[in-house]
Amino acid sequence: MSRFKSNSRYVKYSSVYMTTNSKGQKVQALTPAEIPEQRILGEHLIKQGQRLDHLSNHYLNDPAGFWLIAKANDGMTVESVTIRKQIKIPVK
């Protein structure tokens, strides 16, 4: 099983369980990260070329926290969020 950083969404909001793969071997698996609803700090007007990792570093002090912004905007992918003109920014 991979190791995650202590601030990872998988450490915080997932759990490990045992299952059997198609070869009949016992393997560890990870549940999807069930992230609770977030409070919104405000909104940000996207400028051309801005990326979520830069915005998450600026607002959340965590460049790897881009998924928090995507989640706050109901985005399944980074691209689905950055094509918008205005995005919600969650509280740290």
PDB file of N, CA and C in Angstrom:
ATOM      1  N   MET A   1       0.858  -1.172   0.000  1.00  0.00           N
ATOM      2  CA  MET A   1       0.000   0.000   0.000  1.00  0.00           C
ATOM      3  C   MET A   1       0.900   1.228   0.000  1.00  0.00           C
ATOM      4  N   SER A   2       0.518   2.223  -0.763  1.00  0.00           N
ATOM      5  CA  SER A   2       1.267   3.476  -0.828  1.00  0.00           C
ATOM      6  C   SER A   2       1.202   4.205   0.503  1.00  0.00           C
ATOM      7  N   ARG A   3       2.177   5.042   0.704  1.00  0.00           N
ATOM      8  CA  ARG A   3       2.198   5.896   1.889  1.00  0.00           C
ATOM      9  C   ARG A   3       1.748   7.286   1.466  1.00  0.00           C
ATOM     10  N   PHE A   4       0.955   7.907   2.311  1.00  0.00           N
ATOM     11  CA  PHE A   4       0.455   9.242   2.035  1.00  0.00           C
ATOM     12  C   PHE A   4       0.998  10.218   3.062  1.00  0.00           C
ATOM     13  N   LYS A   5       1.127  11.474   2.664  1.00  0.00           N
ATOM     14  CA  LYS A   5       1.538  12.514   3.609  1.00  0.00           C
ATOM     15  C   LYS A   5       0.452  12.655   4.670  1.00  0.00           C
ATOM     16  N   SER A   6       0.828  13.143   5.833  1.00  0.00           N
ATOM     17  CA  SER A   6      -0.111  13.237   6.949  1.00  0.00           C
ATOM     18  C   SER A   6      -1.286  14.164   6.656  1.00  0.00           C
ATOM     19  N   ASN A   7      -1.137  15.127   5.739  1.00  0.00           N
ATOM     20  CA  ASN A   7      -2.236  16.040   5.423  1.00  0.00           C
ATOM     21  C   ASN A   7      -3.027  15.585   4.187  1.00  0.00           C
ATOM     22  N   SER A   8      -2.788  14.366   3.733  1.00  0.00           N
ATOM     23  CA  SER A   8      -3.479  13.841   2.556  1.00  0.00           C
ATOM     24  C   SER A   8      -4.959  13.607   2.838  1.00  0.00           C
ATOM     25  N   ARG A   9      -5.787  13.840   1.819  1.00  0.00           N
ATOM     26  CA  ARG A   9      -7.226  13.564   1.961  1.00  0.00           C
ATOM     27  C   ARG A   9      -7.484  12.093   2.223  1.00  0.00           C
ATOM     28  N   TYR A  10      -6.579  11.220   1.759  1.00  0.00           N
ATOM     29  CA  TYR A  10      -6.767   9.781   1.961  1.00  0.00           C
ATOM     30  C   TYR A  10      -6.470   9.385   3.394  1.00  0.00           C
ATOM     31  N   VAL A  11      -5.528  10.057   4.040  1.00  0.00           N
ATOM     32  CA  VAL A  11      -5.238   9.802   5.457  1.00  0.00           C
ATOM     33  C   VAL A  11      -6.392  10.293   6.317  1.00  0.00           C
ATOM     34  N   LYS A  12      -6.905  11.480   5.970  1.00  0.00           N
ATOM     35  CA  LYS A  12      -7.945  12.112   6.778  1.00  0.00           C
ATOM     36  C   LYS A  12      -9.336  11.504   6.573  1.00  0.00           C
ATOM     37  N   TYR A  13      -9.677  11.136   5.337  1.00  0.00           N
ATOM     38  CA  TYR A  13     -11.074  10.827   5.023  1.00  0.00           C
ATOM     39  C   TYR A  13     -11.307   9.453   4.391  1.00  0.00           C
ATOM     40  N   SER A  14     -10.304   8.587   4.401  1.00  0.00           N
ATOM     41  CA  SER A  14     -10.455   7.239   3.840  1.00  0.00           C
ATOM     42  C   SER A  14     -10.047   6.209   4.882  1.00  0.00           C
ATOM     43  N   SER A  15     -10.317   4.961   4.562  1.00  0.00           N
ATOM     44  CA  SER A  15      -9.844   3.887   5.431  1.00  0.00           C
ATOM     45  C   SER A  15      -9.382   2.716   4.563  1.00  0.00           C
ATOM     46  N   VAL A  16      -8.484   1.934   5.117  1.00  0.00           N
ATOM     47  CA  VAL A  16      -7.923   0.779   4.423  1.00  0.00           C
ATOM     48  C   VAL A  16      -8.739  -0.450   4.807  1.00  0.00           C
ATOM     49  N   TYR A  17      -8.987  -1.307   3.832  1.00  0.00           N
ATOM     50  CA  TYR A  17      -9.673  -2.573   4.106  1.00  0.00           C
ATOM     51  C   TYR A  17      -9.040  -3.675   3.267  1.00  0.00           C
ATOM     52  N   MET A  18      -9.301  -4.911   3.643  1.00  0.00           N
ATOM     53  CA  MET A  18      -8.775  -6.075   2.922  1.00  0.00           C
ATOM     54  C   MET A  18      -9.850  -6.590   1.971  1.00  0.00           C
ATOM     55  N   THR A  19      -9.408  -7.009   0.793  1.00  0.00           N
ATOM     56  CA  THR A  19     -10.312  -7.592  -0.196  1.00  0.00           C
ATOM     57  C   THR A  19      -9.546  -8.652  -0.974  1.00  0.00           C
ATOM     58  N   THR A  20     -10.212  -9.341  -1.855  1.00  0.00           N
ATOM     59  CA  THR A  20      -9.588 -10.372  -2.680  1.00  0.00           C
ATOM     60  C   THR A  20      -9.592  -9.906  -4.129  1.00  0.00           C
ATOM     61  N   ASN A  21      -8.418  -9.958  -4.786  1.00  0.00           N
ATOM     62  CA  ASN A  21      -8.349  -9.531  -6.173  1.00  0.00           C
ATOM     63  C   ASN A  21      -8.778 -10.660  -7.113  1.00  0.00           C
ATOM     64  N   SER A  22      -8.724 -10.412  -8.411  1.00  0.00           N
ATOM     65  CA  SER A  22      -9.198 -11.386  -9.397  1.00  0.00           C
ATOM     66  C   SER A  22      -8.360 -12.657  -9.436  1.00  0.00           C
ATOM     67  N   LYS A  23      -7.154 -12.643  -8.861  1.00  0.00           N
ATOM     68  CA  LYS A  23      -6.292 -13.828  -8.795  1.00  0.00           C
ATOM     69  C   LYS A  23      -6.489 -14.604  -7.498  1.00  0.00           C
ATOM     70  N   GLY A  24      -7.411 -14.133  -6.670  1.00  0.00           N
ATOM     71  CA  GLY A  24      -7.676 -14.796  -5.401  1.00  0.00           C
ATOM     72  C   GLY A  24      -6.734 -14.402  -4.285  1.00  0.00           C
ATOM     73  N   GLN A  25      -5.928 -13.376  -4.498  1.00  0.00           N
ATOM     74  CA  GLN A  25      -4.978 -12.919  -3.489  1.00  0.00           C
ATOM     75  C   GLN A  25      -5.632 -11.880  -2.581  1.00  0.00           C
ATOM     76  N   LYS A  26      -5.267 -11.919  -1.304  1.00  0.00           N
ATOM     77  CA  LYS A  26      -5.729 -10.899  -0.361  1.00  0.00           C
ATOM     78  C   LYS A  26      -4.891  -9.641  -0.586  1.00  0.00           C
ATOM     79  N   VAL A  27      -5.567  -8.516  -0.764  1.00  0.00           N
ATOM     80  CA  VAL A  27      -4.886  -7.238  -0.993  1.00  0.00           C
ATOM     81  C   VAL A  27      -5.546  -6.148  -0.161  1.00  0.00           C
ATOM     82  N   GLN A  28      -4.779  -5.098   0.099  1.00  0.00           N
ATOM     83  CA  GLN A  28      -5.326  -3.935   0.786  1.00  0.00           C
ATOM     84  C   GLN A  28      -5.912  -2.987  -0.249  1.00  0.00           C
ATOM     85  N   ALA A  29      -7.007  -2.368   0.111  1.00  0.00           N
ATOM     86  CA  ALA A  29      -7.648  -1.377  -0.754  1.00  0.00           C
ATOM     87  C   ALA A  29      -8.015  -0.170   0.097  1.00  0.00           C
ATOM     88  N   LEU A  30      -8.349   0.910  -0.569  1.00  0.00           N
ATOM     89  CA  LEU A  30      -8.640   2.164   0.101  1.00  0.00           C
ATOM     90  C   LEU A  30     -10.024   2.641  -0.296  1.00  0.00           C
ATOM     91  N   THR A  31     -10.825   3.034   0.676  1.00  0.00           N
ATOM     92  CA  THR A  31     -12.144   3.579   0.367  1.00  0.00           C
ATOM     93  C   THR A  31     -11.978   4.958  -0.258  1.00  0.00           C
ATOM     94  N   PRO A  32     -12.955   5.419  -1.024  1.00  0.00           N
ATOM     95  CA  PRO A  32     -12.870   6.783  -1.557  1.00  0.00           C
ATOM     96  C   PRO A  32     -12.840   7.795  -0.406  1.00  0.00           C
ATOM     97  N   ALA A  33     -12.192   8.908  -0.649  1.00  0.00           N
ATOM     98  CA  ALA A  33     -12.126   9.966   0.355  1.00  0.00           C
ATOM     99  C   ALA A  33     -13.484  10.664   0.430  1.00  0.00           C
ATOM    100  N   GLU A  34     -14.151  10.519   1.568  1.00  0.00           N
ATOM    101  CA  GLU A  34     -15.450  11.171   1.793  1.00  0.00           C
ATOM    102  C   GLU A  34     -15.193  12.481   2.527  1.00  0.00           C
ATOM    103  N   ILE A  35     -15.105  13.546   1.759  1.00  0.00           N
ATOM    104  CA  ILE A  35     -14.729  14.848   2.303  1.00  0.00           C
ATOM    105  C   ILE A  35     -15.975  15.580   2.792  1.00  0.00           C
ATOM    106  N   PRO A  36     -15.966  16.054   4.041  1.00  0.00           N
ATOM    107  CA  PRO A  36     -17.133  16.771   4.560  1.00  0.00           C
ATOM    108  C   PRO A  36     -17.334  18.113   3.841  1.00  0.00           C
ATOM    109  N   GLU A  37     -18.525  18.662   3.982  1.00  0.00           N
ATOM    110  CA  GLU A  37     -18.815  19.970   3.383  1.00  0.00           C
ATOM    111  C   GLU A  37     -17.836  21.007   3.916  1.00  0.00           C
ATOM    112  N   GLN A  38     -17.458  21.922   3.057  1.00  0.00           N
ATOM    113  CA  GLN A  38     -16.487  22.940   3.413  1.00  0.00           C
ATOM    114  C   GLN A  38     -17.148  24.305   3.564  1.00  0.00           C
ATOM    115  N   ARG A  39     -16.632  25.091   4.492  1.00  0.00           N
ATOM    116  CA  ARG A  39     -17.054  26.491   4.580  1.00  0.00           C
ATOM    117  C   ARG A  39     -16.312  27.264   3.501  1.00  0.00           C
ATOM    118  N   ILE A  40     -16.954  28.267   2.954  1.00  0.00           N
ATOM    119  CA  ILE A  40     -16.367  29.032   1.856  1.00  0.00           C
ATOM    120  C   ILE A  40     -15.816  30.365   2.377  1.00  0.00           C
ATOM    121  N   LEU A  41     -14.560  30.626   2.051  1.00  0.00           N
ATOM    122  CA  LEU A  41     -13.899  31.872   2.418  1.00  0.00           C
ATOM    123  C   LEU A  41     -14.387  33.015   1.533  1.00  0.00           C
ATOM    124  N   GLY A  42     -14.521  32.743   0.254  1.00  0.00           N
ATOM    125  CA  GLY A  42     -14.947  33.759  -0.709  1.00  0.00           C
ATOM    126  C   GLY A  42     -14.812  33.212  -2.114  1.00  0.00           C
ATOM    127  N   GLU A  43     -14.796  34.114  -3.075  1.00  0.00           N
ATOM    128  CA  GLU A  43     -14.669  33.707  -4.472  1.00  0.00           C
ATOM    129  C   GLU A  43     -13.465  34.395  -5.095  1.00  0.00           C
ATOM    130  N   HIS A  44     -12.917  33.747  -6.106  1.00  0.00           N
ATOM    131  CA  HIS A  44     -11.737  34.239  -6.807  1.00  0.00           C
ATOM    132  C   HIS A  44     -12.051  34.327  -8.292  1.00  0.00           C
ATOM    133  N   LEU A  45     -11.719  35.446  -8.903  1.00  0.00           N
ATOM    134  CA  LEU A  45     -11.872  35.595 -10.350  1.00  0.00           C
ATOM    135  C   LEU A  45     -10.628  35.024 -11.024  1.00  0.00           C
ATOM    136  N   ILE A  46     -10.830  33.996 -11.832  1.00  0.00           N
ATOM    137  CA  ILE A  46      -9.719  33.325 -12.509  1.00  0.00           C
ATOM    138  C   ILE A  46      -9.162  34.215 -13.615  1.00  0.00           C
ATOM    139  N   LYS A  47      -7.842  34.356 -13.621  1.00  0.00           N
ATOM    140  CA  LYS A  47      -7.150  35.059 -14.695  1.00  0.00           C
ATOM    141  C   LYS A  47      -6.497  34.007 -15.589  1.00  0.00           C
ATOM    142  N   GLN A  48      -6.279  34.350 -16.832  1.00  0.00           N
ATOM    143  CA  GLN A  48      -5.691  33.412 -17.771  1.00  0.00           C
ATOM    144  C   GLN A  48      -4.357  32.889 -17.240  1.00  0.00           C
ATOM    145  N   GLY A  49      -4.196  31.586 -17.288  1.00  0.00           N
ATOM    146  CA  GLY A  49      -2.949  30.957 -16.867  1.00  0.00           C
ATOM    147  C   GLY A  49      -2.880  30.586 -15.400  1.00  0.00           C
ATOM    148  N   GLN A  50      -3.857  30.993 -14.592  1.00  0.00           N
ATOM    149  CA  GLN A  50      -3.821  30.633 -13.167  1.00  0.00           C
ATOM    150  C   GLN A  50      -4.130  29.148 -13.004  1.00  0.00           C
ATOM    151  N   ARG A  51      -3.412  28.534 -12.076  1.00  0.00           N
ATOM    152  CA  ARG A  51      -3.587  27.104 -11.816  1.00  0.00           C
ATOM    153  C   ARG A  51      -4.061  26.907 -10.376  1.00  0.00           C
ATOM    154  N   LEU A  52      -4.782  25.800 -10.167  1.00  0.00           N
ATOM    155  CA  LEU A  52      -5.320  25.533  -8.827  1.00  0.00           C
ATOM    156  C   LEU A  52      -4.235  25.301  -7.794  1.00  0.00           C
ATOM    157  N   ASP A  53      -3.103  24.705  -8.185  1.00  0.00           N
ATOM    158  CA  ASP A  53      -2.050  24.496  -7.192  1.00  0.00           C
ATOM    159  C   ASP A  53      -1.470  25.831  -6.719  1.00  0.00           C
ATOM    160  N   HIS A  54      -1.398  26.813  -7.624  1.00  0.00           N
ATOM    161  CA  HIS A  54      -0.927  28.137  -7.214  1.00  0.00           C
ATOM    162  C   HIS A  54      -1.947  28.825  -6.302  1.00  0.00           C
ATOM    163  N   LEU A  55      -3.220  28.694  -6.663  1.00  0.00           N
ATOM    164  CA  LEU A  55      -4.268  29.303  -5.833  1.00  0.00           C
ATOM    165  C   LEU A  55      -4.351  28.636  -4.467  1.00  0.00           C
ATOM    166  N   SER A  56      -4.213  27.312  -4.431  1.00  0.00           N
ATOM    167  CA  SER A  56      -4.274  26.631  -3.130  1.00  0.00           C
ATOM    168  C   SER A  56      -3.050  26.972  -2.280  1.00  0.00           C
ATOM    169  N   ASN A  57      -1.917  27.210  -2.912  1.00  0.00           N
ATOM    170  CA  ASN A  57      -0.746  27.643  -2.162  1.00  0.00           C
ATOM    171  C   ASN A  57      -0.985  29.044  -1.587  1.00  0.00           C
ATOM    172  N   HIS A  58      -1.579  29.916  -2.380  1.00  0.00           N
ATOM    173  CA  HIS A  58      -1.842  31.287  -1.938  1.00  0.00           C
ATOM    174  C   HIS A  58      -2.889  31.342  -0.819  1.00  0.00           C
ATOM    175  N   TYR A  59      -4.030  30.688  -1.030  1.00  0.00           N
ATOM    176  CA  TYR A  59      -5.141  30.788  -0.074  1.00  0.00           C
ATOM    177  C   TYR A  59      -5.062  29.785   1.076  1.00  0.00           C
ATOM    178  N   LEU A  60      -4.528  28.596   0.803  1.00  0.00           N
ATOM    179  CA  LEU A  60      -4.550  27.530   1.810  1.00  0.00           C
ATOM    180  C   LEU A  60      -3.166  27.198   2.361  1.00  0.00           C
ATOM    181  N   ASN A  61      -2.127  27.857   1.830  1.00  0.00           N
ATOM    182  CA  ASN A  61      -0.737  27.569   2.209  1.00  0.00           C
ATOM    183  C   ASN A  61      -0.364  26.112   1.959  1.00  0.00           C
ATOM    184  N   ASP A  62      -0.946  25.528   0.916  1.00  0.00           N
ATOM    185  CA  ASP A  62      -0.691  24.124   0.584  1.00  0.00           C
ATOM    186  C   ASP A  62      -0.884  23.921  -0.918  1.00  0.00           C
ATOM    187  N   PRO A  63       0.210  23.864  -1.698  1.00  0.00           N
ATOM    188  CA  PRO A  63       0.053  23.684  -3.135  1.00  0.00           C
ATOM    189  C   PRO A  63      -0.597  22.351  -3.503  1.00  0.00           C
ATOM    190  N   ALA A  64      -0.501  21.370  -2.623  1.00  0.00           N
ATOM    191  CA  ALA A  64      -1.129  20.073  -2.883  1.00  0.00           C
ATOM    192  C   ALA A  64      -2.602  20.057  -2.476  1.00  0.00           C
ATOM    193  N   GLY A  65      -3.105  21.183  -1.991  1.00  0.00           N
ATOM    194  CA  GLY A  65      -4.506  21.267  -1.562  1.00  0.00           C
ATOM    195  C   GLY A  65      -5.461  21.697  -2.659  1.00  0.00           C
ATOM    196  N   PHE A  66      -5.016  21.624  -3.905  1.00  0.00           N
ATOM    197  CA  PHE A  66      -5.869  22.022  -5.035  1.00  0.00           C
ATOM    198  C   PHE A  66      -7.173  21.247  -5.062  1.00  0.00           C
ATOM    199  N   TRP A  67      -7.160  20.019  -4.559  1.00  0.00           N
ATOM    200  CA  TRP A  67      -8.366  19.185  -4.555  1.00  0.00           C
ATOM    201  C   TRP A  67      -9.442  19.785  -3.643  1.00  0.00           C
ATOM    202  N   LEU A  68      -9.036  20.556  -2.609  1.00  0.00           N
ATOM    203  CA  LEU A  68     -10.019  21.212  -1.750  1.00  0.00           C
ATOM    204  C   LEU A  68     -10.805  22.270  -2.527  1.00  0.00           C
ATOM    205  N   ILE A  69     -10.102  23.001  -3.394  1.00  0.00           N
ATOM    206  CA  ILE A  69     -10.771  23.997  -4.229  1.00  0.00           C
ATOM    207  C   ILE A  69     -11.670  23.300  -5.246  1.00  0.00           C
ATOM    208  N   ALA A  70     -11.174  22.221  -5.841  1.00  0.00           N
ATOM    209  CA  ALA A  70     -11.994  21.469  -6.800  1.00  0.00           C
ATOM    210  C   ALA A  70     -13.259  20.949  -6.123  1.00  0.00           C
ATOM    211  N   LYS A  71     -13.124  20.414  -4.922  1.00  0.00           N
ATOM    212  CA  LYS A  71     -14.271  19.891  -4.177  1.00  0.00           C
ATOM    213  C   LYS A  71     -15.264  21.009  -3.848  1.00  0.00           C
ATOM    214  N   ALA A  72     -14.777  22.155  -3.441  1.00  0.00           N
ATOM    215  CA  ALA A  72     -15.650  23.280  -3.094  1.00  0.00           C
ATOM    216  C   ALA A  72     -16.448  23.771  -4.296  1.00  0.00           C
ATOM    217  N   ASN A  73     -15.952  23.461  -5.503  1.00  0.00           N
ATOM    218  CA  ASN A  73     -16.609  23.889  -6.732  1.00  0.00           C
ATOM    219  C   ASN A  73     -17.275  22.731  -7.464  1.00  0.00           C
ATOM    220  N   ASP A  74     -17.482  21.620  -6.772  1.00  0.00           N
ATOM    221  CA  ASP A  74     -18.100  20.421  -7.345  1.00  0.00           C
ATOM    222  C   ASP A  74     -17.403  19.981  -8.622  1.00  0.00           C
ATOM    223  N   GLY A  75     -16.089  20.126  -8.662  1.00  0.00           N
ATOM    224  CA  GLY A  75     -15.317  19.743  -9.840  1.00  0.00           C
ATOM    225  C   GLY A  75     -14.763  18.339  -9.713  1.00  0.00           C
ATOM    226  N   MET A  76     -14.942  17.556 -10.748  1.00  0.00           N
ATOM    227  CA  MET A  76     -14.376  16.205 -10.763  1.00  0.00           C
ATOM    228  C   MET A  76     -12.911  16.236 -11.200  1.00  0.00           C
ATOM    229  N   THR A  77     -12.552  17.236 -11.995  1.00  0.00           N
ATOM    230  CA  THR A  77     -11.174  17.370 -12.460  1.00  0.00           C
ATOM    231  C   THR A  77     -10.739  18.822 -12.282  1.00  0.00           C
ATOM    232  N   VAL A  78      -9.436  19.034 -12.288  1.00  0.00           N
ATOM    233  CA  VAL A  78      -8.894  20.389 -12.185  1.00  0.00           C
ATOM    234  C   VAL A  78      -9.380  21.230 -13.360  1.00  0.00           C
ATOM    235  N   GLU A  79      -9.384  20.637 -14.551  1.00  0.00           N
ATOM    236  CA  GLU A  79      -9.794  21.365 -15.756  1.00  0.00           C
ATOM    237  C   GLU A  79     -11.244  21.834 -15.675  1.00  0.00           C
ATOM    238  N   SER A  80     -12.107  21.035 -15.058  1.00  0.00           N
ATOM    239  CA  SER A  80     -13.517  21.417 -14.969  1.00  0.00           C
ATOM    240  C   SER A  80     -13.718  22.635 -14.067  1.00  0.00           C
ATOM    241  N   VAL A  81     -12.762  22.907 -13.208  1.00  0.00           N
ATOM    242  CA  VAL A  81     -12.851  24.064 -12.322  1.00  0.00           C
ATOM    243  C   VAL A  81     -12.191  25.288 -12.956  1.00  0.00           C
ATOM    244  N   THR A  82     -11.025  25.102 -13.557  1.00  0.00           N
ATOM    245  CA  THR A  82     -10.266  26.249 -14.071  1.00  0.00           C
ATOM    246  C   THR A  82     -10.860  26.850 -15.343  1.00  0.00           C
ATOM    247  N   ILE A  83     -11.812  26.194 -15.984  1.00  0.00           N
ATOM    248  CA  ILE A  83     -12.453  26.802 -17.160  1.00  0.00           C
ATOM    249  C   ILE A  83     -13.502  27.835 -16.741  1.00  0.00           C
ATOM    250  N   ARG A  84     -13.818  27.870 -15.462  1.00  0.00           N
ATOM    251  CA  ARG A  84     -14.794  28.836 -14.948  1.00  0.00           C
ATOM    252  C   ARG A  84     -14.148  30.203 -14.804  1.00  0.00           C
ATOM    253  N   LYS A  85     -14.971  31.234 -14.758  1.00  0.00           N
ATOM    254  CA  LYS A  85     -14.459  32.593 -14.577  1.00  0.00           C
ATOM    255  C   LYS A  85     -14.312  32.945 -13.110  1.00  0.00           C
ATOM    256  N   GLN A  86     -15.122  32.303 -12.269  1.00  0.00           N
ATOM    257  CA  GLN A  86     -15.125  32.606 -10.839  1.00  0.00           C
ATOM    258  C   GLN A  86     -15.243  31.288 -10.092  1.00  0.00           C
ATOM    259  N   ILE A  87     -14.386  31.108  -9.076  1.00  0.00           N
ATOM    260  CA  ILE A  87     -14.426  29.877  -8.299  1.00  0.00           C
ATOM    261  C   ILE A  87     -14.516  30.190  -6.812  1.00  0.00           C
ATOM    262  N   LYS A  88     -15.096  29.252  -6.086  1.00  0.00           N
ATOM    263  CA  LYS A  88     -15.204  29.367  -4.630  1.00  0.00           C
ATOM    264  C   LYS A  88     -13.880  28.912  -4.006  1.00  0.00           C
ATOM    265  N   ILE A  89     -13.483  29.612  -2.958  1.00  0.00           N
ATOM    266  CA  ILE A  89     -12.282  29.261  -2.227  1.00  0.00           C
ATOM    267  C   ILE A  89     -12.694  28.821  -0.820  1.00  0.00           C
ATOM    268  N   PRO A  90     -12.321  27.595  -0.420  1.00  0.00           N
ATOM    269  CA  PRO A  90     -12.697  27.122   0.921  1.00  0.00           C
ATOM    270  C   PRO A  90     -11.809  27.731   2.007  1.00  0.00           C
ATOM    271  N   VAL A  91     -12.304  27.698   3.224  1.00  0.00           N
ATOM    272  CA  VAL A  91     -11.530  28.099   4.390  1.00  0.00           C
ATOM    273  C   VAL A  91     -10.461  27.042   4.624  1.00  0.00           C
ATOM    274  N   LYS A  92      -9.304  27.459   5.133  1.00  0.00           N
ATOM    275  CA  LYS A  92      -8.215  26.508   5.445  1.00  0.00           C
ATOM    276  C   LYS A  92      -8.708  25.421   6.348  1.00  0.00           C
TER     277      LYS A  92
END
